[in-house]
Amino acid sequence: MLDGAWFIIVLIAILMFIFSKIERHYRDLARALVFDKNPQNLAPIKNHVLVLVQGVHAGTVNSVRYAESLSLNCQAVYIEIEPEKTPAFRKQWLDIFPQVELVVLPSPYRSLLQPLLAFINEIEREHPDEMVTVIIGEFASDKWWHTLLHGNTGLLLKVALLSRPEVVVSNVRYSVAAKHS
C-alpha cells in the first residue's frame, strides 16, 4: 500500500523546503528595499562613462554620442591587442573625437577582460563616489545568423561585470540592416 507513497512524501517535503526558502528571500528583499531617507537630500550620482572601442566607424559614433549624453566624464577605452596598429588608430580617433579622451590599455596576452577589469578597479579606487558605466557597442542585424558572428565579446564582458553592483553595463545597438541589405 505504501510502495510508491514515500516518493510523494519526500517530494512534498522538498517542495515545502524550497518554497520556504523562496518566501524568506522575498521577505529579506522587501526589508532591504525599504527606503528611509528623504529623496530631496540625496546627492546626484556622478557617472564615469567608459566606451569600449575597437575601431572608428558608424557604430563607434553611435556609442560615443550615447556616452556623451550620459556624462561629460567620458573616456574611450581601446584594448591594445596589436601595438603596431595603435598609432594609426590614435590619430584617427583624435581626428574624429578630439573631445573624448582615449585610454589605451596594453594587453600583451591578447586578453580583453583583464586590462579592462584592472582599469575599472583603478577608477573605483580613485573615485569611490562615482558610478562606472561601461558602454559596449554592438551591431544589430535583421538576419538571425549575423548575431552568431558578432557580439560574443560584449556578452563575455557583461557576464564578467554582472557581479559588480557599482558598474552599469549598457549595450548600444547600431543597426546595419539598411546599409547591409
N, C-alpha and C. Protein backbone atom coordinates (compact mmCIF):
# COMPACT_ATOMS: atom_id res chain seq x y z
N MET A 1 0.80 -1.19 0.00
CA MET A 1 0.00 0.00 0.00
C MET A 1 0.85 1.27 0.00
N LEU A 2 1.98 1.30 0.71
CA LEU A 2 2.85 2.47 0.77
C LEU A 2 4.04 2.35 -0.17
N ASP A 3 3.96 1.49 -1.16
CA ASP A 3 5.10 1.24 -2.04
C ASP A 3 5.58 2.50 -2.76
N GLY A 4 4.68 3.29 -3.31
CA GLY A 4 5.09 4.49 -4.04
C GLY A 4 4.82 5.77 -3.29
N ALA A 5 4.17 5.70 -2.16
CA ALA A 5 3.79 6.89 -1.40
C ALA A 5 5.00 7.61 -0.80
N TRP A 6 6.03 6.87 -0.46
CA TRP A 6 7.21 7.51 0.16
C TRP A 6 7.79 8.58 -0.76
N PHE A 7 7.75 8.32 -2.07
CA PHE A 7 8.29 9.27 -3.04
C PHE A 7 7.50 10.59 -3.01
N ILE A 8 6.21 10.53 -2.94
CA ILE A 8 5.36 11.71 -2.90
C ILE A 8 5.61 12.49 -1.61
N ILE A 9 5.75 11.79 -0.49
CA ILE A 9 6.01 12.45 0.80
C ILE A 9 7.35 13.17 0.76
N VAL A 10 8.38 12.54 0.23
CA VAL A 10 9.70 13.17 0.12
C VAL A 10 9.63 14.37 -0.84
N LEU A 11 8.94 14.21 -1.95
CA LEU A 11 8.80 15.31 -2.92
C LEU A 11 8.09 16.51 -2.29
N ILE A 12 7.01 16.25 -1.54
CA ILE A 12 6.30 17.35 -0.87
C ILE A 12 7.21 18.03 0.14
N ALA A 13 7.97 17.29 0.88
CA ALA A 13 8.90 17.88 1.87
C ALA A 13 9.95 18.75 1.18
N ILE A 14 10.49 18.28 0.06
CA ILE A 14 11.49 19.06 -0.69
C ILE A 14 10.87 20.33 -1.24
N LEU A 15 9.66 20.21 -1.80
CA LEU A 15 8.98 21.40 -2.33
C LEU A 15 8.67 22.40 -1.23
N MET A 16 8.24 21.94 -0.06
CA MET A 16 7.96 22.84 1.06
C MET A 16 9.23 23.57 1.49
N PHE A 17 10.34 22.86 1.53
CA PHE A 17 11.62 23.48 1.88
C PHE A 17 11.99 24.56 0.85
N ILE A 18 11.87 24.24 -0.43
CA ILE A 18 12.20 25.21 -1.49
C ILE A 18 11.29 26.42 -1.41
N PHE A 19 9.99 26.20 -1.23
CA PHE A 19 9.05 27.32 -1.15
C PHE A 19 9.32 28.20 0.06
N SER A 20 9.70 27.61 1.19
CA SER A 20 10.01 28.43 2.37
C SER A 20 11.27 29.26 2.14
N LYS A 21 12.24 28.72 1.43
CA LYS A 21 13.45 29.48 1.09
C LYS A 21 13.11 30.65 0.16
N ILE A 22 12.24 30.40 -0.81
CA ILE A 22 11.82 31.46 -1.73
C ILE A 22 11.07 32.55 -0.97
N GLU A 23 10.16 32.15 -0.08
CA GLU A 23 9.41 33.14 0.72
C GLU A 23 10.37 33.98 1.57
N ARG A 24 11.33 33.34 2.21
CA ARG A 24 12.31 34.06 3.03
C ARG A 24 13.11 35.04 2.17
N HIS A 25 13.49 34.62 0.97
CA HIS A 25 14.23 35.52 0.06
C HIS A 25 13.41 36.78 -0.22
N TYR A 26 12.12 36.62 -0.55
CA TYR A 26 11.29 37.78 -0.87
C TYR A 26 11.07 38.67 0.37
N ARG A 27 10.94 38.09 1.56
CA ARG A 27 10.81 38.89 2.78
C ARG A 27 12.09 39.69 3.04
N ASP A 28 13.25 39.03 2.90
CA ASP A 28 14.53 39.71 3.10
C ASP A 28 14.72 40.82 2.07
N LEU A 29 14.34 40.55 0.84
CA LEU A 29 14.46 41.55 -0.21
C LEU A 29 13.58 42.77 0.08
N ALA A 30 12.35 42.50 0.51
CA ALA A 30 11.43 43.61 0.85
C ALA A 30 12.01 44.46 1.97
N ARG A 31 12.60 43.85 2.99
CA ARG A 31 13.23 44.61 4.09
C ARG A 31 14.43 45.42 3.58
N ALA A 32 15.20 44.84 2.70
CA ALA A 32 16.40 45.53 2.18
C ALA A 32 16.03 46.70 1.29
N LEU A 33 14.87 46.68 0.67
CA LEU A 33 14.47 47.73 -0.25
C LEU A 33 13.71 48.88 0.43
N VAL A 34 13.50 48.80 1.73
CA VAL A 34 12.82 49.89 2.44
C VAL A 34 13.69 51.13 2.36
N PHE A 35 13.07 52.23 1.94
CA PHE A 35 13.79 53.49 1.76
C PHE A 35 13.42 54.41 2.91
N ASP A 36 14.42 54.78 3.72
CA ASP A 36 14.14 55.56 4.91
C ASP A 36 14.74 56.97 4.89
N LYS A 37 15.13 57.44 3.73
CA LYS A 37 15.71 58.78 3.62
C LYS A 37 14.78 59.69 2.84
N ASN A 38 15.03 60.97 2.97
CA ASN A 38 14.28 61.97 2.23
C ASN A 38 14.92 62.11 0.84
N PRO A 39 14.18 61.86 -0.24
CA PRO A 39 14.77 61.93 -1.59
C PRO A 39 15.36 63.30 -1.93
N GLN A 40 14.88 64.37 -1.31
CA GLN A 40 15.41 65.71 -1.60
C GLN A 40 16.83 65.88 -1.07
N ASN A 41 17.25 65.07 -0.11
CA ASN A 41 18.58 65.21 0.49
C ASN A 41 19.64 64.35 -0.19
N LEU A 42 19.26 63.64 -1.22
CA LEU A 42 20.21 62.75 -1.89
C LEU A 42 21.06 63.53 -2.89
N ALA A 43 22.35 63.26 -2.88
CA ALA A 43 23.25 63.89 -3.85
C ALA A 43 23.08 63.20 -5.20
N PRO A 44 23.25 63.95 -6.29
CA PRO A 44 23.15 63.30 -7.62
C PRO A 44 24.30 62.31 -7.82
N ILE A 45 24.03 61.34 -8.65
CA ILE A 45 25.04 60.33 -8.94
C ILE A 45 26.06 60.90 -9.93
N LYS A 46 27.33 60.72 -9.59
CA LYS A 46 28.39 61.07 -10.54
C LYS A 46 28.66 59.83 -11.38
N ASN A 47 28.82 60.04 -12.66
CA ASN A 47 28.94 58.91 -13.57
C ASN A 47 30.25 59.01 -14.35
N HIS A 48 31.04 57.97 -14.31
CA HIS A 48 32.27 57.87 -15.09
C HIS A 48 31.98 56.88 -16.21
N VAL A 49 31.91 57.37 -17.44
CA VAL A 49 31.49 56.54 -18.56
C VAL A 49 32.70 56.07 -19.36
N LEU A 50 32.76 54.78 -19.60
CA LEU A 50 33.80 54.17 -20.43
C LEU A 50 33.14 53.60 -21.67
N VAL A 51 33.63 54.00 -22.84
CA VAL A 51 33.12 53.47 -24.10
C VAL A 51 34.18 52.52 -24.65
N LEU A 52 33.83 51.27 -24.81
CA LEU A 52 34.79 50.31 -25.37
C LEU A 52 34.81 50.47 -26.87
N VAL A 53 36.01 50.71 -27.41
CA VAL A 53 36.15 50.92 -28.85
C VAL A 53 37.21 49.98 -29.41
N GLN A 54 36.99 49.60 -30.66
CA GLN A 54 37.97 48.76 -31.35
C GLN A 54 38.30 49.30 -32.72
N GLY A 55 37.58 50.32 -33.11
CA GLY A 55 37.81 50.96 -34.40
C GLY A 55 36.95 52.21 -34.48
N VAL A 56 37.18 53.00 -35.51
CA VAL A 56 36.36 54.19 -35.72
C VAL A 56 35.46 53.91 -36.91
N HIS A 57 34.17 53.79 -36.62
CA HIS A 57 33.17 53.51 -37.65
C HIS A 57 31.83 54.07 -37.18
N ALA A 58 30.80 53.87 -37.95
CA ALA A 58 29.48 54.44 -37.63
C ALA A 58 28.95 53.92 -36.29
N GLY A 59 29.22 52.67 -35.97
CA GLY A 59 28.79 52.12 -34.68
C GLY A 59 29.49 52.81 -33.52
N THR A 60 30.76 53.14 -33.69
CA THR A 60 31.51 53.85 -32.66
C THR A 60 30.93 55.23 -32.44
N VAL A 61 30.60 55.92 -33.52
CA VAL A 61 29.99 57.25 -33.40
C VAL A 61 28.71 57.16 -32.58
N ASN A 62 27.90 56.17 -32.86
CA ASN A 62 26.66 55.95 -32.14
C ASN A 62 26.93 55.75 -30.64
N SER A 63 27.89 54.92 -30.30
CA SER A 63 28.22 54.65 -28.89
C SER A 63 28.77 55.88 -28.19
N VAL A 64 29.64 56.62 -28.85
CA VAL A 64 30.24 57.81 -28.24
C VAL A 64 29.17 58.87 -28.01
N ARG A 65 28.29 59.06 -28.96
CA ARG A 65 27.21 60.04 -28.80
C ARG A 65 26.34 59.67 -27.60
N TYR A 66 26.04 58.40 -27.44
CA TYR A 66 25.25 57.96 -26.30
C TYR A 66 26.01 58.21 -24.99
N ALA A 67 27.29 57.86 -24.97
CA ALA A 67 28.10 58.06 -23.77
C ALA A 67 28.15 59.53 -23.36
N GLU A 68 28.30 60.40 -24.33
CA GLU A 68 28.36 61.83 -24.03
C GLU A 68 27.02 62.35 -23.52
N SER A 69 25.93 61.70 -23.89
CA SER A 69 24.63 62.12 -23.38
C SER A 69 24.46 61.76 -21.90
N LEU A 70 25.23 60.79 -21.42
CA LEU A 70 25.15 60.37 -20.02
C LEU A 70 26.00 61.23 -19.10
N SER A 71 27.18 61.63 -19.58
CA SER A 71 28.11 62.34 -18.70
C SER A 71 29.18 63.04 -19.52
N LEU A 72 29.68 64.13 -18.97
CA LEU A 72 30.83 64.80 -19.58
C LEU A 72 32.12 64.06 -19.20
N ASN A 73 32.05 63.25 -18.15
CA ASN A 73 33.18 62.47 -17.69
C ASN A 73 33.20 61.15 -18.46
N CYS A 74 33.72 61.23 -19.67
CA CYS A 74 33.62 60.13 -20.61
C CYS A 74 35.01 59.81 -21.19
N GLN A 75 35.35 58.54 -21.23
CA GLN A 75 36.61 58.10 -21.82
C GLN A 75 36.35 56.94 -22.78
N ALA A 76 37.11 56.92 -23.84
CA ALA A 76 37.08 55.78 -24.74
C ALA A 76 38.20 54.83 -24.31
N VAL A 77 37.92 53.55 -24.29
CA VAL A 77 38.91 52.56 -23.87
C VAL A 77 39.19 51.63 -25.05
N TYR A 78 40.46 51.60 -25.41
CA TYR A 78 40.93 50.77 -26.53
C TYR A 78 41.89 49.73 -25.96
N ILE A 79 41.55 48.46 -26.09
CA ILE A 79 42.42 47.38 -25.62
C ILE A 79 43.41 47.09 -26.75
N GLU A 80 44.67 47.32 -26.46
CA GLU A 80 45.72 47.21 -27.47
C GLU A 80 46.16 45.75 -27.63
N ILE A 81 45.60 45.12 -28.64
CA ILE A 81 45.94 43.72 -28.96
C ILE A 81 47.11 43.69 -29.94
N GLU A 82 47.11 44.61 -30.89
CA GLU A 82 48.18 44.69 -31.89
C GLU A 82 48.83 46.08 -31.80
N PRO A 83 49.91 46.21 -31.04
CA PRO A 83 50.52 47.52 -30.78
C PRO A 83 50.94 48.29 -32.04
N GLU A 84 51.23 47.58 -33.11
CA GLU A 84 51.65 48.26 -34.34
C GLU A 84 50.51 49.06 -34.98
N LYS A 85 49.27 48.73 -34.64
CA LYS A 85 48.12 49.43 -35.20
C LYS A 85 47.67 50.62 -34.34
N THR A 86 48.20 50.73 -33.13
CA THR A 86 47.74 51.75 -32.19
C THR A 86 48.02 53.17 -32.66
N PRO A 87 49.20 53.51 -33.18
CA PRO A 87 49.42 54.91 -33.59
C PRO A 87 48.42 55.39 -34.65
N ALA A 88 48.12 54.55 -35.63
CA ALA A 88 47.16 54.94 -36.67
C ALA A 88 45.77 55.10 -36.07
N PHE A 89 45.41 54.19 -35.16
CA PHE A 89 44.10 54.29 -34.52
C PHE A 89 44.02 55.56 -33.67
N ARG A 90 45.07 55.84 -32.92
CA ARG A 90 45.09 57.04 -32.06
C ARG A 90 44.91 58.31 -32.90
N LYS A 91 45.59 58.38 -34.04
CA LYS A 91 45.47 59.55 -34.92
C LYS A 91 44.05 59.68 -35.46
N GLN A 92 43.50 58.57 -35.92
CA GLN A 92 42.14 58.57 -36.45
C GLN A 92 41.15 58.98 -35.35
N TRP A 93 41.37 58.48 -34.13
CA TRP A 93 40.50 58.84 -33.01
C TRP A 93 40.53 60.35 -32.75
N LEU A 94 41.73 60.91 -32.67
CA LEU A 94 41.86 62.34 -32.38
C LEU A 94 41.26 63.20 -33.48
N ASP A 95 41.31 62.72 -34.72
CA ASP A 95 40.71 63.47 -35.82
C ASP A 95 39.18 63.52 -35.70
N ILE A 96 38.58 62.42 -35.27
CA ILE A 96 37.12 62.32 -35.22
C ILE A 96 36.56 62.75 -33.86
N PHE A 97 37.22 62.36 -32.78
CA PHE A 97 36.71 62.60 -31.42
C PHE A 97 37.73 63.32 -30.54
N PRO A 98 38.13 64.53 -30.87
CA PRO A 98 39.15 65.20 -30.04
C PRO A 98 38.66 65.51 -28.63
N GLN A 99 37.34 65.55 -28.42
CA GLN A 99 36.78 65.90 -27.12
C GLN A 99 36.73 64.72 -26.15
N VAL A 100 36.94 63.50 -26.64
CA VAL A 100 36.85 62.31 -25.80
C VAL A 100 38.24 61.72 -25.61
N GLU A 101 38.65 61.64 -24.35
CA GLU A 101 39.97 61.08 -24.03
C GLU A 101 40.02 59.61 -24.43
N LEU A 102 41.11 59.24 -25.10
CA LEU A 102 41.33 57.85 -25.49
C LEU A 102 42.32 57.22 -24.52
N VAL A 103 41.91 56.16 -23.86
CA VAL A 103 42.77 55.42 -22.95
C VAL A 103 43.15 54.13 -23.64
N VAL A 104 44.44 53.92 -23.83
CA VAL A 104 44.93 52.71 -24.48
C VAL A 104 45.46 51.77 -23.38
N LEU A 105 44.87 50.59 -23.30
CA LEU A 105 45.28 49.61 -22.31
C LEU A 105 46.03 48.48 -23.01
N PRO A 106 47.32 48.37 -22.76
CA PRO A 106 48.08 47.28 -23.39
C PRO A 106 47.61 45.92 -22.89
N SER A 107 47.59 44.97 -23.80
CA SER A 107 47.20 43.61 -23.45
C SER A 107 48.17 42.63 -24.10
N PRO A 108 49.30 42.39 -23.48
CA PRO A 108 50.31 41.53 -24.11
C PRO A 108 49.84 40.09 -24.31
N TYR A 109 48.85 39.65 -23.55
CA TYR A 109 48.36 38.28 -23.68
C TYR A 109 47.06 38.21 -24.46
N ARG A 110 46.72 39.31 -25.16
CA ARG A 110 45.55 39.39 -26.03
C ARG A 110 44.23 39.17 -25.27
N SER A 111 44.24 39.55 -24.00
CA SER A 111 43.04 39.43 -23.18
C SER A 111 42.30 40.76 -23.17
N LEU A 112 41.02 40.73 -23.41
CA LEU A 112 40.21 41.95 -23.31
C LEU A 112 39.78 42.20 -21.87
N LEU A 113 39.50 41.14 -21.18
CA LEU A 113 38.89 41.23 -19.87
C LEU A 113 39.84 41.74 -18.79
N GLN A 114 41.02 41.17 -18.69
CA GLN A 114 41.94 41.50 -17.60
C GLN A 114 42.31 42.99 -17.58
N PRO A 115 42.74 43.58 -18.70
CA PRO A 115 43.09 45.01 -18.65
C PRO A 115 41.90 45.91 -18.32
N LEU A 116 40.73 45.56 -18.83
CA LEU A 116 39.54 46.37 -18.57
C LEU A 116 39.15 46.30 -17.09
N LEU A 117 39.13 45.10 -16.53
CA LEU A 117 38.78 44.95 -15.11
C LEU A 117 39.78 45.67 -14.22
N ALA A 118 41.05 45.60 -14.56
CA ALA A 118 42.06 46.32 -13.78
C ALA A 118 41.84 47.83 -13.87
N PHE A 119 41.49 48.33 -15.03
CA PHE A 119 41.23 49.76 -15.22
C PHE A 119 40.00 50.20 -14.43
N ILE A 120 38.94 49.40 -14.45
CA ILE A 120 37.74 49.70 -13.68
C ILE A 120 38.05 49.72 -12.18
N ASN A 121 38.85 48.76 -11.73
CA ASN A 121 39.26 48.74 -10.31
C ASN A 121 40.01 50.00 -9.94
N GLU A 122 40.88 50.46 -10.83
CA GLU A 122 41.65 51.69 -10.59
C GLU A 122 40.72 52.91 -10.48
N ILE A 123 39.75 53.00 -11.37
CA ILE A 123 38.78 54.11 -11.33
C ILE A 123 38.01 54.07 -10.01
N GLU A 124 37.59 52.89 -9.60
CA GLU A 124 36.82 52.77 -8.36
C GLU A 124 37.66 53.15 -7.14
N ARG A 125 38.95 52.84 -7.15
CA ARG A 125 39.83 53.23 -6.05
C ARG A 125 40.00 54.75 -6.00
N GLU A 126 40.21 55.35 -7.17
CA GLU A 126 40.46 56.79 -7.24
C GLU A 126 39.19 57.62 -7.04
N HIS A 127 38.04 57.09 -7.45
CA HIS A 127 36.77 57.82 -7.39
C HIS A 127 35.68 56.93 -6.79
N PRO A 128 35.74 56.66 -5.50
CA PRO A 128 34.77 55.75 -4.89
C PRO A 128 33.33 56.28 -4.90
N ASP A 129 33.17 57.58 -5.12
CA ASP A 129 31.83 58.18 -5.12
C ASP A 129 31.18 58.18 -6.50
N GLU A 130 31.85 57.61 -7.49
CA GLU A 130 31.31 57.62 -8.85
C GLU A 130 30.81 56.25 -9.27
N MET A 131 29.75 56.26 -10.03
CA MET A 131 29.24 55.05 -10.67
C MET A 131 30.03 54.88 -11.97
N VAL A 132 30.40 53.69 -12.31
CA VAL A 132 31.10 53.42 -13.57
C VAL A 132 30.10 52.80 -14.54
N THR A 133 29.98 53.43 -15.71
CA THR A 133 29.12 52.89 -16.75
C THR A 133 30.00 52.45 -17.92
N VAL A 134 29.86 51.22 -18.33
CA VAL A 134 30.63 50.67 -19.45
C VAL A 134 29.68 50.54 -20.64
N ILE A 135 30.02 51.22 -21.72
CA ILE A 135 29.22 51.18 -22.94
C ILE A 135 29.85 50.16 -23.90
N ILE A 136 29.05 49.21 -24.30
CA ILE A 136 29.50 48.20 -25.26
C ILE A 136 28.67 48.36 -26.52
N GLY A 137 29.30 48.70 -27.61
CA GLY A 137 28.61 48.82 -28.88
C GLY A 137 28.39 47.44 -29.49
N GLU A 138 27.25 47.28 -30.12
CA GLU A 138 27.01 46.00 -30.80
C GLU A 138 26.21 46.26 -32.07
N PHE A 139 26.44 45.42 -33.04
CA PHE A 139 25.74 45.54 -34.32
C PHE A 139 24.41 44.80 -34.23
N ALA A 140 23.38 45.43 -34.74
CA ALA A 140 22.06 44.80 -34.81
C ALA A 140 21.77 44.53 -36.28
N SER A 141 21.39 43.32 -36.57
CA SER A 141 21.10 42.94 -37.94
C SER A 141 19.71 42.32 -38.01
N ASP A 142 19.14 42.33 -39.19
CA ASP A 142 17.83 41.72 -39.36
C ASP A 142 17.93 40.22 -39.63
N LYS A 143 19.13 39.71 -39.80
CA LYS A 143 19.33 38.28 -40.04
C LYS A 143 19.82 37.61 -38.75
N TRP A 144 19.15 36.58 -38.31
CA TRP A 144 19.45 35.94 -37.04
C TRP A 144 20.87 35.38 -36.99
N TRP A 145 21.33 34.87 -38.11
CA TRP A 145 22.64 34.23 -38.11
C TRP A 145 23.78 35.23 -38.03
N HIS A 146 23.54 36.50 -38.34
CA HIS A 146 24.57 37.53 -38.14
C HIS A 146 24.89 37.69 -36.66
N THR A 147 23.89 37.46 -35.82
CA THR A 147 24.09 37.58 -34.38
C THR A 147 25.13 36.58 -33.89
N LEU A 148 25.20 35.44 -34.52
CA LEU A 148 26.19 34.44 -34.14
C LEU A 148 27.61 34.89 -34.47
N LEU A 149 27.73 35.77 -35.46
CA LEU A 149 29.05 36.23 -35.90
C LEU A 149 29.58 37.41 -35.08
N HIS A 150 28.71 38.13 -34.41
CA HIS A 150 29.08 39.35 -33.70
C HIS A 150 28.54 39.31 -32.27
N GLY A 151 29.15 40.08 -31.42
CA GLY A 151 28.60 40.29 -30.09
C GLY A 151 29.04 39.32 -29.01
N ASN A 152 29.90 38.39 -29.31
CA ASN A 152 30.33 37.44 -28.28
C ASN A 152 31.22 38.10 -27.24
N THR A 153 32.04 39.05 -27.65
CA THR A 153 32.92 39.75 -26.72
C THR A 153 32.10 40.58 -25.74
N GLY A 154 31.09 41.26 -26.24
CA GLY A 154 30.23 42.04 -25.38
C GLY A 154 29.54 41.18 -24.34
N LEU A 155 29.10 40.00 -24.74
CA LEU A 155 28.45 39.09 -23.82
C LEU A 155 29.42 38.63 -22.73
N LEU A 156 30.64 38.32 -23.11
CA LEU A 156 31.66 37.91 -22.15
C LEU A 156 31.92 39.02 -21.13
N LEU A 157 32.03 40.26 -21.61
CA LEU A 157 32.26 41.39 -20.72
C LEU A 157 31.08 41.60 -19.78
N LYS A 158 29.87 41.49 -20.30
CA LYS A 158 28.68 41.65 -19.46
C LYS A 158 28.64 40.60 -18.36
N VAL A 159 28.95 39.38 -18.68
CA VAL A 159 28.95 38.31 -17.68
C VAL A 159 30.03 38.59 -16.63
N ALA A 160 31.20 39.04 -17.05
CA ALA A 160 32.28 39.32 -16.12
C ALA A 160 31.94 40.47 -15.17
N LEU A 161 31.15 41.43 -15.63
CA LEU A 161 30.81 42.59 -14.82
C LEU A 161 29.47 42.43 -14.10
N LEU A 162 28.80 41.32 -14.30
CA LEU A 162 27.48 41.09 -13.74
C LEU A 162 27.47 41.16 -12.21
N SER A 163 28.51 40.68 -11.58
CA SER A 163 28.54 40.64 -10.12
C SER A 163 29.03 41.93 -9.49
N ARG A 164 29.23 42.96 -10.30
CA ARG A 164 29.73 44.24 -9.79
C ARG A 164 28.58 45.25 -9.72
N PRO A 165 27.94 45.43 -8.57
CA PRO A 165 26.77 46.31 -8.49
C PRO A 165 27.09 47.79 -8.73
N GLU A 166 28.33 48.17 -8.59
CA GLU A 166 28.72 49.57 -8.80
C GLU A 166 29.07 49.86 -10.26
N VAL A 167 28.95 48.85 -11.11
CA VAL A 167 29.24 49.01 -12.53
C VAL A 167 27.97 48.74 -13.34
N VAL A 168 27.62 49.71 -14.18
CA VAL A 168 26.47 49.57 -15.06
C VAL A 168 26.99 49.22 -16.45
N VAL A 169 26.43 48.22 -17.06
CA VAL A 169 26.83 47.84 -18.41
C VAL A 169 25.67 48.15 -19.34
N SER A 170 25.96 48.89 -20.38
CA SER A 170 24.91 49.29 -21.32
C SER A 170 25.33 48.91 -22.73
N ASN A 171 24.45 48.22 -23.42
CA ASN A 171 24.69 47.89 -24.82
C ASN A 171 24.05 48.96 -25.69
N VAL A 172 24.81 49.47 -26.63
CA VAL A 172 24.28 50.44 -27.58
C VAL A 172 24.30 49.75 -28.94
N ARG A 173 23.12 49.54 -29.46
CA ARG A 173 22.99 48.81 -30.71
C ARG A 173 23.05 49.77 -31.90
N TYR A 174 23.70 49.32 -32.94
CA TYR A 174 23.77 50.07 -34.19
C TYR A 174 23.22 49.17 -35.29
N SER A 175 22.17 49.62 -35.93
CA SER A 175 21.53 48.80 -36.96
C SER A 175 22.27 48.92 -38.28
N VAL A 176 22.70 47.79 -38.78
CA VAL A 176 23.37 47.76 -40.08
C VAL A 176 22.44 47.21 -41.16
N ALA A 177 21.20 46.93 -40.81
CA ALA A 177 20.26 46.30 -41.75
C ALA A 177 20.06 47.14 -43.00
N ALA A 178 19.86 48.42 -42.86
CA ALA A 178 19.59 49.28 -44.00
C ALA A 178 20.82 49.43 -44.90
N LYS A 179 21.99 49.41 -44.31
CA LYS A 179 23.21 49.62 -45.08
C LYS A 179 23.77 48.33 -45.65
N HIS A 180 23.32 47.18 -45.10
CA HIS A 180 23.91 45.89 -45.45
C HIS A 180 23.05 45.10 -46.42
N SER A 181 21.81 45.48 -46.62
CA SER A 181 20.87 44.71 -47.44
C SER A 181 21.26 44.66 -48.89
